[in-house]
Amino acid sequence: AFMIEMNTLNDCFYRVRNLYEYILLLDPDEIIFPVVEADRNWTDILGHINNYKHFDSISVTNLYFPEKNSPLNPDIPSHHLILQRVQRAEKFSRNGDAIKSFFNPRRVTVVHNHRPIFCLPVRDCYNCLLKRNISRLNHYRDRVRKQYLNTTLDSTVWKFKDELIKAVNETLTKTGFKIDMK
């Protein structure tokens, strides 16, 4: 299974590597989130790093948002999973564990879903780990290890609440997808 996943990831990476300045491989239950209040996107996040283009990859530390500790907020439609889950693990994953990375496709030759494996010229890959007060990987997972079960309120994602609800509802209406928008 590991080799099938590796082949699939690298096939995707090679198909788009000439189209983008950086490539990010995310699972559907993950999002790279800007923590700085003024930051709105990934370009803003990368702007915190001097000479970020010199790195082969830029990684973000994982933070779990387990489902069972997040009661539904009646002011947010229930289908907005990311906006509903505002109870996060008190502890981040250890640096280097469960990270996700922005890959520089001109320098990275083989990827794993967490970090680059080989880079050009043939050498160890040069990585930058973003500070947690700049960005993090919000990971919305139902099952987490015991050390991540203690949670704390973190509604940082709500800085995007109004625009996300509006954009999702407009998309649902345009596509004709029926969902209870309460």
Protein backbone atom coordinates (compact mmCIF):
# COMPACT_ATOMS: atom_id res chain seq x y z
CA ALA A 1 0.00 0.00 0.00
CA PHE A 2 2.87 2.40 0.81
CA MET A 3 4.43 2.02 -2.65
CA ILE A 4 1.06 2.54 -4.37
CA GLU A 5 0.59 5.76 -2.38
CA MET A 6 4.13 6.90 -3.22
CA ASN A 7 3.62 6.20 -6.93
CA THR A 8 0.30 8.09 -6.94
CA LEU A 9 1.71 11.11 -5.08
CA ASN A 10 4.76 11.36 -7.30
CA ASP A 11 2.73 10.89 -10.49
CA CYS A 12 0.50 13.80 -9.43
CA PHE A 13 3.53 15.87 -8.41
CA TYR A 14 5.24 15.35 -11.79
CA ARG A 15 2.07 16.15 -13.75
CA VAL A 16 1.81 19.63 -12.21
CA ARG A 17 5.38 20.47 -11.26
CA ASN A 18 5.89 22.89 -14.16
CA LEU A 19 2.68 24.78 -13.40
CA TYR A 20 3.30 26.05 -9.88
CA GLU A 21 5.92 27.78 -7.76
CA TYR A 22 5.13 25.49 -4.80
CA ILE A 23 3.09 22.30 -4.52
CA LEU A 24 1.31 21.15 -1.38
CA LEU A 25 -0.10 17.64 -0.88
CA LEU A 26 -2.99 17.69 1.59
CA ASP A 27 -5.52 15.10 2.75
CA PRO A 28 -9.22 16.10 2.69
CA ASP A 29 -9.25 16.48 6.50
CA GLU A 30 -6.33 18.95 6.61
CA ILE A 31 -5.77 22.63 5.94
CA ILE A 32 -2.70 24.82 6.26
CA PHE A 33 -3.98 27.71 8.32
CA PRO A 34 -2.53 31.23 8.77
CA VAL A 35 -2.37 32.11 12.47
CA VAL A 36 -1.27 35.75 12.13
CA GLU A 37 -4.47 37.84 12.17
CA ALA A 38 -3.55 39.89 9.07
CA ASP A 39 -2.60 36.82 6.99
CA ARG A 40 -5.29 35.63 4.58
CA ASN A 41 -3.57 33.01 2.40
CA TRP A 42 -0.51 30.84 1.86
CA THR A 43 1.41 33.60 0.09
CA ASP A 44 1.09 35.70 3.26
CA ILE A 45 2.37 32.75 5.31
CA LEU A 46 5.45 32.27 3.12
CA GLY A 47 6.13 36.01 3.29
CA HIS A 48 7.23 35.57 6.92
CA ILE A 49 10.32 33.64 5.77
CA ASN A 50 13.35 35.52 4.49
CA ASN A 51 14.42 34.12 1.12
CA TYR A 52 11.86 31.32 1.26
CA LYS A 53 12.64 30.41 -2.37
CA HIS A 54 16.02 29.06 -1.22
CA PHE A 55 14.35 26.16 0.60
CA ASP A 56 13.47 22.84 -1.00
CA SER A 57 10.42 22.62 1.24
CA ILE A 58 8.64 24.57 3.92
CA SER A 59 6.84 22.52 6.56
CA VAL A 60 4.02 23.22 8.98
CA THR A 61 3.47 21.56 12.37
CA ASN A 62 0.38 19.38 12.88
CA LEU A 63 -2.41 20.23 15.34
CA TYR A 64 -5.37 17.88 15.83
CA PHE A 65 -9.00 18.97 16.07
CA PRO A 66 -10.79 15.81 17.33
CA GLU A 67 -14.53 15.60 16.64
CA LYS A 68 -15.82 14.29 19.94
CA ASN A 69 -14.89 17.38 21.95
CA SER A 70 -16.57 19.92 19.66
CA PRO A 71 -20.24 20.61 20.38
CA LEU A 72 -22.15 22.08 17.43
CA ASN A 73 -22.35 25.87 17.30
CA PRO A 74 -25.95 26.86 16.42
CA ASP A 75 -24.74 30.05 14.66
CA ILE A 76 -22.80 28.03 12.07
CA PRO A 77 -24.40 25.66 9.54
CA SER A 78 -23.73 22.07 10.61
CA HIS A 79 -22.17 21.14 7.24
CA HIS A 80 -19.25 23.54 7.90
CA LEU A 81 -17.01 20.98 9.59
CA ILE A 82 -13.94 23.21 9.87
CA LEU A 83 -15.89 26.11 11.37
CA GLN A 84 -17.73 23.79 13.78
CA ARG A 85 -14.63 22.14 15.21
CA VAL A 86 -13.03 24.72 17.47
CA GLN A 87 -11.82 22.39 20.22
CA ARG A 88 -8.24 21.48 19.44
CA ALA A 89 -5.65 19.31 21.11
CA GLU A 90 -3.68 21.16 23.76
CA LYS A 91 -0.46 19.68 22.39
CA PHE A 92 0.94 20.04 18.90
CA SER A 93 2.49 16.99 17.28
CA ARG A 94 6.24 16.85 17.85
CA ASN A 95 8.26 18.91 15.36
CA GLY A 96 8.71 16.76 12.30
CA ASP A 97 5.79 14.39 13.07
CA ALA A 98 2.71 14.52 10.83
CA ILE A 99 3.91 17.71 9.14
CA LYS A 100 2.83 18.83 5.69
CA SER A 101 5.14 20.65 3.33
CA PHE A 102 5.14 23.15 0.52
CA PHE A 103 7.45 21.58 -2.11
CA ASN A 104 9.63 23.62 -4.46
CA PRO A 105 9.15 21.64 -7.71
CA ARG A 106 12.38 22.98 -9.26
CA ARG A 107 14.42 21.40 -6.46
CA VAL A 108 12.39 18.44 -5.15
CA THR A 109 12.55 15.27 -7.24
CA VAL A 110 10.69 12.69 -5.10
CA VAL A 111 7.94 13.46 -2.56
CA HIS A 112 6.30 11.73 0.36
CA ASN A 113 2.99 13.10 1.63
CA HIS A 114 4.80 14.75 4.55
CA ARG A 115 8.23 15.83 3.29
CA PRO A 116 10.54 15.62 0.29
CA ILE A 117 12.61 12.48 -0.13
CA PHE A 118 15.14 13.58 -2.78
CA CYS A 119 16.19 17.04 -3.96
CA LEU A 120 18.49 18.58 -6.56
CA PRO A 121 21.38 18.72 -6.67
CA VAL A 122 21.56 15.22 -5.20
CA ARG A 123 21.86 15.93 -1.49
CA ASP A 124 19.78 16.12 1.65
CA CYS A 125 16.77 18.37 1.24
CA TYR A 126 16.93 21.85 2.75
CA ASN A 127 13.73 22.35 4.79
CA CYS A 128 12.29 25.21 6.84
CA LEU A 129 9.81 24.45 9.63
CA LEU A 130 7.41 27.37 10.07
CA LYS A 131 6.90 28.68 13.59
CA ARG A 132 3.57 27.75 15.16
CA ASN A 133 2.66 31.41 15.69
CA ILE A 134 2.78 31.92 11.89
CA SER A 135 1.01 28.85 10.54
CA ARG A 136 -0.09 25.35 11.41
CA LEU A 137 -1.69 22.29 9.89
CA ASN A 138 -5.25 22.02 11.22
CA HIS A 139 -5.98 18.29 11.10
CA TYR A 140 -9.64 17.36 11.59
CA ARG A 141 -9.45 13.74 12.65
CA ASP A 142 -11.93 11.65 14.58
CA ARG A 143 -9.42 9.24 16.09
CA VAL A 144 -6.32 10.63 17.77
CA ARG A 145 -3.75 9.22 20.18
CA LYS A 146 -4.39 9.56 23.88
CA GLN A 147 -1.91 12.44 24.29
CA TYR A 148 -4.10 14.58 21.98
CA LEU A 149 -7.44 14.02 23.75
CA ASN A 150 -7.11 16.97 26.15
CA THR A 151 -8.50 19.94 24.26
CA THR A 152 -8.80 23.70 24.46
CA LEU A 153 -11.00 26.23 22.66
CA ASP A 154 -9.41 27.69 19.52
CA SER A 155 -11.73 29.70 17.27
CA THR A 156 -8.93 31.24 15.16
CA VAL A 157 -10.57 29.78 12.04
CA TRP A 158 -13.57 32.04 12.61
CA LYS A 159 -11.66 34.96 11.07
CA PHE A 160 -12.81 33.37 7.78
CA LYS A 161 -16.32 32.44 9.02
CA ASP A 162 -18.49 34.92 7.11
CA GLU A 163 -16.71 34.62 3.78
CA LEU A 164 -16.56 30.80 4.00
CA ILE A 165 -20.24 30.40 4.80
CA LYS A 166 -21.18 32.79 1.96
CA ALA A 167 -18.86 31.14 -0.61
CA VAL A 168 -19.91 27.59 0.27
CA ASN A 169 -23.60 28.45 0.20
CA GLU A 170 -23.21 30.20 -3.20
CA THR A 171 -21.40 27.16 -4.59
CA LEU A 172 -24.04 24.77 -3.24
CA THR A 173 -26.77 26.89 -4.84
CA LYS A 174 -24.95 27.14 -8.21
CA THR A 175 -24.32 23.40 -8.39
CA GLY A 176 -27.83 22.47 -7.26
CA PHE A 177 -26.45 20.37 -4.43
CA LYS A 178 -29.15 19.99 -1.79
CA ILE A 179 -28.10 20.33 1.82
CA ASP A 180 -29.80 21.56 4.96
CA MET A 181 -28.26 25.05 5.30
CA LYS A 182 -29.39 25.63 8.89
